[in-house]
Amino acid sequence: MHAILALITEAIPLWAYLLATLFASVLAGGGVGSLVALWMNRKKPAADIHESRARAARDFAEADEIRIRASFSLEEETIHRTQQMMRAQRLIFELQEKNRILSDEVKELRRERRQIGGAR
């Protein structure tokens, strides 16, 4: 990642990089949307402007609430899947241990059978 940034900063002058960063932050921060809303509301009565701003604020709050719920749901799902994986790994370990014990028992029984067969 640092190599890519180094290549970008070497290929693009600093002023162009800063200008692009500023432009991206205005777009990402909703600056353009605010300017468009101001332009469209320039001739509306104050009550209509406040109402449209209140609706926008409500919509943003609802979107944030949905994002937070989704985040919690994702976190809970991640925890659940991690617990399932840990249970499965523990079961695999237990089964491998049982398999090792049974394999040792089979070897011991074969050894005893050979000794009994050889003693006859």
N, C-alpha and C. Protein backbone atom coordinates (compact mmCIF):
# COMPACT_ATOMS: atom_id res chain seq x y z
N MET A 1 0.83 -1.19 0.00
CA MET A 1 0.00 0.00 0.00
C MET A 1 0.87 1.24 0.00
N HIS A 2 1.94 1.21 0.81
CA HIS A 2 2.83 2.36 0.87
C HIS A 2 3.54 2.57 -0.45
N ALA A 3 3.86 1.46 -1.14
CA ALA A 3 4.54 1.58 -2.43
C ALA A 3 3.62 2.24 -3.45
N ILE A 4 2.34 1.92 -3.40
CA ILE A 4 1.38 2.53 -4.33
C ILE A 4 1.27 4.02 -4.06
N LEU A 5 1.18 4.39 -2.77
CA LEU A 5 1.12 5.81 -2.42
C LEU A 5 2.38 6.54 -2.84
N ALA A 6 3.52 5.87 -2.70
CA ALA A 6 4.79 6.49 -3.11
C ALA A 6 4.80 6.73 -4.61
N LEU A 7 4.31 5.75 -5.39
CA LEU A 7 4.26 5.91 -6.85
C LEU A 7 3.31 7.04 -7.23
N ILE A 8 2.17 7.12 -6.54
CA ILE A 8 1.19 8.16 -6.85
C ILE A 8 1.78 9.54 -6.56
N THR A 9 2.41 9.67 -5.40
CA THR A 9 2.94 10.98 -5.02
C THR A 9 4.13 11.38 -5.88
N GLU A 10 4.87 10.41 -6.43
CA GLU A 10 5.96 10.75 -7.34
C GLU A 10 5.43 11.14 -8.71
N ALA A 11 4.34 10.52 -9.15
CA ALA A 11 3.82 10.76 -10.49
C ALA A 11 2.94 12.00 -10.55
N ILE A 12 2.32 12.38 -9.45
CA ILE A 12 1.39 13.52 -9.43
C ILE A 12 1.99 14.62 -8.57
N PRO A 13 1.93 15.86 -9.04
CA PRO A 13 2.43 16.96 -8.21
C PRO A 13 1.63 17.06 -6.91
N LEU A 14 2.26 17.60 -5.89
CA LEU A 14 1.63 17.69 -4.58
C LEU A 14 0.35 18.50 -4.62
N TRP A 15 0.34 19.60 -5.34
CA TRP A 15 -0.86 20.44 -5.38
C TRP A 15 -2.03 19.70 -6.02
N ALA A 16 -1.76 18.88 -7.03
CA ALA A 16 -2.83 18.11 -7.68
C ALA A 16 -3.36 17.03 -6.73
N TYR A 17 -2.44 16.42 -5.99
CA TYR A 17 -2.84 15.40 -5.03
C TYR A 17 -3.72 16.00 -3.93
N LEU A 18 -3.31 17.16 -3.41
CA LEU A 18 -4.09 17.82 -2.37
C LEU A 18 -5.45 18.26 -2.89
N LEU A 19 -5.48 18.77 -4.12
CA LEU A 19 -6.75 19.19 -4.72
C LEU A 19 -7.68 17.99 -4.89
N ALA A 20 -7.15 16.87 -5.35
CA ALA A 20 -7.97 15.66 -5.52
C ALA A 20 -8.46 15.15 -4.17
N THR A 21 -7.61 15.21 -3.16
CA THR A 21 -8.01 14.79 -1.82
C THR A 21 -9.12 15.67 -1.28
N LEU A 22 -8.99 16.98 -1.46
CA LEU A 22 -10.01 17.93 -1.02
C LEU A 22 -11.33 17.68 -1.75
N PHE A 23 -11.25 17.47 -3.05
CA PHE A 23 -12.44 17.20 -3.86
C PHE A 23 -13.13 15.92 -3.39
N ALA A 24 -12.34 14.87 -3.13
CA ALA A 24 -12.92 13.59 -2.67
C ALA A 24 -13.56 13.74 -1.30
N SER A 25 -12.93 14.51 -0.42
CA SER A 25 -13.52 14.68 0.91
C SER A 25 -14.81 15.48 0.85
N VAL A 26 -14.91 16.45 -0.06
CA VAL A 26 -16.15 17.21 -0.20
C VAL A 26 -17.25 16.29 -0.73
N LEU A 27 -16.92 15.45 -1.71
CA LEU A 27 -17.91 14.53 -2.26
C LEU A 27 -18.34 13.50 -1.21
N ALA A 28 -17.37 12.94 -0.50
CA ALA A 28 -17.68 11.90 0.47
C ALA A 28 -18.38 12.47 1.70
N GLY A 29 -18.08 13.70 2.05
CA GLY A 29 -18.66 14.30 3.24
C GLY A 29 -20.04 14.87 3.01
N GLY A 30 -20.55 14.80 1.82
CA GLY A 30 -21.89 15.31 1.53
C GLY A 30 -21.92 16.79 1.23
N GLY A 31 -20.74 17.38 0.98
CA GLY A 31 -20.67 18.81 0.68
C GLY A 31 -21.42 19.17 -0.58
N VAL A 32 -21.30 18.34 -1.60
CA VAL A 32 -22.00 18.61 -2.86
C VAL A 32 -23.51 18.52 -2.66
N GLY A 33 -23.94 17.53 -1.89
CA GLY A 33 -25.38 17.39 -1.62
C GLY A 33 -25.92 18.60 -0.88
N SER A 34 -25.15 19.12 0.06
CA SER A 34 -25.58 20.31 0.80
C SER A 34 -25.68 21.51 -0.12
N LEU A 35 -24.69 21.68 -1.01
CA LEU A 35 -24.73 22.81 -1.94
C LEU A 35 -25.92 22.71 -2.89
N VAL A 36 -26.21 21.51 -3.37
CA VAL A 36 -27.36 21.31 -4.26
C VAL A 36 -28.65 21.62 -3.51
N ALA A 37 -28.74 21.15 -2.26
CA ALA A 37 -29.95 21.42 -1.46
C ALA A 37 -30.12 22.93 -1.23
N LEU A 38 -29.04 23.62 -0.94
CA LEU A 38 -29.12 25.07 -0.75
C LEU A 38 -29.58 25.77 -2.03
N TRP A 39 -29.03 25.34 -3.16
CA TRP A 39 -29.41 25.94 -4.45
C TRP A 39 -30.88 25.69 -4.76
N MET A 40 -31.35 24.48 -4.49
CA MET A 40 -32.75 24.16 -4.80
C MET A 40 -33.71 24.86 -3.83
N ASN A 41 -33.27 25.14 -2.62
CA ASN A 41 -34.13 25.76 -1.61
C ASN A 41 -34.02 27.29 -1.58
N ARG A 42 -33.36 27.88 -2.55
CA ARG A 42 -33.06 29.31 -2.48
C ARG A 42 -34.30 30.19 -2.50
N LYS A 43 -35.41 29.72 -3.06
CA LYS A 43 -36.62 30.55 -3.15
C LYS A 43 -37.78 30.00 -2.32
N LYS A 44 -37.55 28.98 -1.54
CA LYS A 44 -38.61 28.41 -0.72
C LYS A 44 -38.81 29.23 0.54
N PRO A 45 -40.00 29.21 1.08
CA PRO A 45 -40.20 29.84 2.39
C PRO A 45 -39.41 29.11 3.47
N ALA A 46 -39.11 29.80 4.54
CA ALA A 46 -38.28 29.23 5.61
C ALA A 46 -38.91 27.98 6.21
N ALA A 47 -40.22 27.95 6.34
CA ALA A 47 -40.88 26.78 6.93
C ALA A 47 -40.67 25.54 6.07
N ASP A 48 -40.75 25.69 4.75
CA ASP A 48 -40.53 24.56 3.85
C ASP A 48 -39.09 24.07 3.94
N ILE A 49 -38.18 25.03 4.05
CA ILE A 49 -36.76 24.66 4.15
C ILE A 49 -36.53 23.87 5.43
N HIS A 50 -37.08 24.34 6.53
CA HIS A 50 -36.89 23.63 7.80
C HIS A 50 -37.53 22.25 7.74
N GLU A 51 -38.68 22.15 7.08
CA GLU A 51 -39.34 20.85 6.96
C GLU A 51 -38.49 19.89 6.13
N SER A 52 -37.96 20.36 5.01
CA SER A 52 -37.15 19.48 4.18
C SER A 52 -35.86 19.09 4.90
N ARG A 53 -35.28 20.02 5.67
CA ARG A 53 -34.09 19.68 6.45
C ARG A 53 -34.42 18.67 7.53
N ALA A 54 -35.59 18.81 8.14
CA ALA A 54 -36.00 17.86 9.18
C ALA A 54 -36.20 16.47 8.58
N ARG A 55 -36.80 16.43 7.40
CA ARG A 55 -36.98 15.12 6.72
C ARG A 55 -35.62 14.50 6.40
N ALA A 56 -34.70 15.34 5.89
CA ALA A 56 -33.37 14.83 5.57
C ALA A 56 -32.67 14.33 6.83
N ALA A 57 -32.80 15.07 7.92
CA ALA A 57 -32.18 14.64 9.19
C ALA A 57 -32.79 13.33 9.67
N ARG A 58 -34.12 13.20 9.52
CA ARG A 58 -34.79 11.95 9.91
C ARG A 58 -34.31 10.79 9.05
N ASP A 59 -34.19 11.05 7.74
CA ASP A 59 -33.72 9.99 6.84
C ASP A 59 -32.30 9.56 7.19
N PHE A 60 -31.43 10.56 7.50
CA PHE A 60 -30.07 10.22 7.88
C PHE A 60 -30.05 9.43 9.19
N ALA A 61 -30.90 9.81 10.13
CA ALA A 61 -30.97 9.10 11.42
C ALA A 61 -31.45 7.67 11.22
N GLU A 62 -32.45 7.49 10.36
CA GLU A 62 -32.94 6.14 10.07
C GLU A 62 -31.86 5.31 9.39
N ALA A 63 -31.15 5.94 8.47
CA ALA A 63 -30.07 5.22 7.78
C ALA A 63 -28.98 4.82 8.78
N ASP A 64 -28.65 5.73 9.70
CA ASP A 64 -27.66 5.39 10.73
C ASP A 64 -28.14 4.26 11.61
N GLU A 65 -29.43 4.29 11.97
CA GLU A 65 -29.99 3.23 12.81
C GLU A 65 -29.92 1.88 12.10
N ILE A 66 -30.25 1.87 10.82
CA ILE A 66 -30.17 0.63 10.03
C ILE A 66 -28.73 0.14 9.96
N ARG A 67 -27.79 1.06 9.74
CA ARG A 67 -26.38 0.71 9.67
C ARG A 67 -25.90 0.13 10.99
N ILE A 68 -26.31 0.75 12.09
CA ILE A 68 -25.90 0.26 13.42
C ILE A 68 -26.49 -1.12 13.69
N ARG A 69 -27.77 -1.30 13.36
CA ARG A 69 -28.39 -2.63 13.55
C ARG A 69 -27.69 -3.68 12.71
N ALA A 70 -27.39 -3.33 11.47
CA ALA A 70 -26.69 -4.28 10.59
C ALA A 70 -25.31 -4.59 11.15
N SER A 71 -24.65 -3.59 11.69
CA SER A 71 -23.33 -3.80 12.28
C SER A 71 -23.41 -4.75 13.46
N PHE A 72 -24.41 -4.53 14.35
CA PHE A 72 -24.58 -5.42 15.49
C PHE A 72 -24.94 -6.83 15.03
N SER A 73 -25.80 -6.93 14.01
CA SER A 73 -26.17 -8.25 13.50
C SER A 73 -24.96 -8.97 12.94
N LEU A 74 -24.14 -8.23 12.20
CA LEU A 74 -22.93 -8.82 11.63
C LEU A 74 -21.98 -9.26 12.73
N GLU A 75 -21.85 -8.44 13.76
CA GLU A 75 -20.97 -8.78 14.88
C GLU A 75 -21.48 -10.02 15.60
N GLU A 76 -22.79 -10.08 15.84
CA GLU A 76 -23.37 -11.25 16.50
C GLU A 76 -23.18 -12.51 15.65
N GLU A 77 -23.37 -12.37 14.35
CA GLU A 77 -23.19 -13.51 13.44
C GLU A 77 -21.73 -13.97 13.44
N THR A 78 -20.82 -13.02 13.46
CA THR A 78 -19.40 -13.36 13.50
C THR A 78 -19.06 -14.12 14.77
N ILE A 79 -19.59 -13.65 15.90
CA ILE A 79 -19.34 -14.32 17.18
C ILE A 79 -19.93 -15.73 17.14
N HIS A 80 -21.15 -15.86 16.63
CA HIS A 80 -21.79 -17.17 16.55
C HIS A 80 -20.97 -18.13 15.69
N ARG A 81 -20.54 -17.66 14.52
CA ARG A 81 -19.75 -18.53 13.62
C ARG A 81 -18.41 -18.91 14.25
N THR A 82 -17.81 -17.97 14.96
CA THR A 82 -16.53 -18.26 15.63
C THR A 82 -16.74 -19.32 16.70
N GLN A 83 -17.82 -19.22 17.47
CA GLN A 83 -18.11 -20.23 18.49
C GLN A 83 -18.34 -21.59 17.86
N GLN A 84 -19.07 -21.61 16.74
CA GLN A 84 -19.30 -22.89 16.04
C GLN A 84 -17.98 -23.49 15.58
N MET A 85 -17.11 -22.64 15.04
CA MET A 85 -15.82 -23.13 14.55
C MET A 85 -14.98 -23.67 15.71
N MET A 86 -15.01 -22.99 16.85
CA MET A 86 -14.24 -23.45 18.00
C MET A 86 -14.77 -24.78 18.51
N ARG A 87 -16.12 -24.93 18.53
CA ARG A 87 -16.71 -26.22 18.95
C ARG A 87 -16.30 -27.33 17.99
N ALA A 88 -16.33 -27.03 16.69
CA ALA A 88 -15.94 -28.03 15.69
C ALA A 88 -14.47 -28.41 15.85
N GLN A 89 -13.61 -27.43 16.09
CA GLN A 89 -12.19 -27.72 16.27
C GLN A 89 -11.96 -28.57 17.52
N ARG A 90 -12.69 -28.26 18.59
CA ARG A 90 -12.58 -29.05 19.82
C ARG A 90 -13.04 -30.49 19.57
N LEU A 91 -14.14 -30.66 18.83
CA LEU A 91 -14.64 -32.00 18.51
C LEU A 91 -13.62 -32.76 17.66
N ILE A 92 -13.03 -32.07 16.68
CA ILE A 92 -12.02 -32.71 15.83
C ILE A 92 -10.85 -33.17 16.70
N PHE A 93 -10.40 -32.32 17.62
CA PHE A 93 -9.30 -32.69 18.50
C PHE A 93 -9.66 -33.92 19.34
N GLU A 94 -10.86 -33.91 19.92
CA GLU A 94 -11.30 -35.05 20.74
C GLU A 94 -11.36 -36.33 19.92
N LEU A 95 -11.89 -36.23 18.69
CA LEU A 95 -11.98 -37.43 17.85
C LEU A 95 -10.59 -37.91 17.43
N GLN A 96 -9.68 -36.99 17.16
CA GLN A 96 -8.31 -37.40 16.82
C GLN A 96 -7.66 -38.10 18.00
N GLU A 97 -7.90 -37.60 19.21
CA GLU A 97 -7.35 -38.23 20.41
C GLU A 97 -7.93 -39.63 20.61
N LYS A 98 -9.27 -39.77 20.42
CA LYS A 98 -9.89 -41.10 20.53
C LYS A 98 -9.34 -42.04 19.47
N ASN A 99 -9.15 -41.53 18.26
CA ASN A 99 -8.60 -42.33 17.17
C ASN A 99 -7.19 -42.82 17.51
N ARG A 100 -6.38 -41.93 18.09
CA ARG A 100 -5.03 -42.31 18.49
C ARG A 100 -5.07 -43.41 19.56
N ILE A 101 -5.96 -43.25 20.55
CA ILE A 101 -6.08 -44.25 21.62
C ILE A 101 -6.52 -45.60 21.05
N LEU A 102 -7.54 -45.58 20.18
CA LEU A 102 -8.02 -46.82 19.57
C LEU A 102 -6.96 -47.46 18.68
N SER A 103 -6.21 -46.65 17.98
CA SER A 103 -5.14 -47.16 17.13
C SER A 103 -4.07 -47.84 17.98
N ASP A 104 -3.75 -47.23 19.12
CA ASP A 104 -2.78 -47.86 20.04
C ASP A 104 -3.32 -49.17 20.58
N GLU A 105 -4.62 -49.21 20.89
CA GLU A 105 -5.23 -50.45 21.40
C GLU A 105 -5.19 -51.55 20.34
N VAL A 106 -5.47 -51.17 19.08
CA VAL A 106 -5.44 -52.16 17.99
C VAL A 106 -4.02 -52.71 17.83
N LYS A 107 -3.03 -51.84 17.90
CA LYS A 107 -1.63 -52.30 17.78
C LYS A 107 -1.29 -53.25 18.93
N GLU A 108 -1.74 -52.91 20.12
CA GLU A 108 -1.47 -53.76 21.28
C GLU A 108 -2.16 -55.12 21.13
N LEU A 109 -3.42 -55.12 20.66
CA LEU A 109 -4.13 -56.40 20.45
C LEU A 109 -3.46 -57.23 19.38
N ARG A 110 -2.97 -56.62 18.33
CA ARG A 110 -2.27 -57.38 17.27
C ARG A 110 -0.97 -57.98 17.82
N ARG A 111 -0.28 -57.19 18.62
CA ARG A 111 0.95 -57.67 19.22
C ARG A 111 0.66 -58.88 20.13
N GLU A 112 -0.40 -58.78 20.93
CA GLU A 112 -0.78 -59.89 21.82
C GLU A 112 -1.18 -61.12 21.01
N ARG A 113 -1.90 -60.90 19.90
CA ARG A 113 -2.32 -62.03 19.06
C ARG A 113 -1.11 -62.72 18.45
N ARG A 114 -0.11 -61.94 18.03
CA ARG A 114 1.09 -62.54 17.48
C ARG A 114 1.83 -63.34 18.54
N GLN A 115 1.86 -62.80 19.77
CA GLN A 115 2.54 -63.50 20.84
C GLN A 115 1.82 -64.80 21.19
N ILE A 116 0.48 -64.77 21.20
CA ILE A 116 -0.30 -65.97 21.49
C ILE A 116 -0.11 -66.99 20.37
N GLY A 117 -0.16 -66.52 19.10
CA GLY A 117 0.04 -67.42 17.97
C GLY A 117 1.43 -68.00 17.92
N GLY A 118 2.42 -67.24 18.32
CA GLY A 118 3.80 -67.72 18.33
C GLY A 118 4.07 -68.66 19.47
N ALA A 119 3.28 -68.57 20.55
CA ALA A 119 3.50 -69.43 21.73
C ALA A 119 2.97 -70.82 21.50
N ARG A 120 2.10 -71.06 20.57
CA ARG A 120 1.51 -72.38 20.34
C ARG A 120 2.46 -73.33 19.76
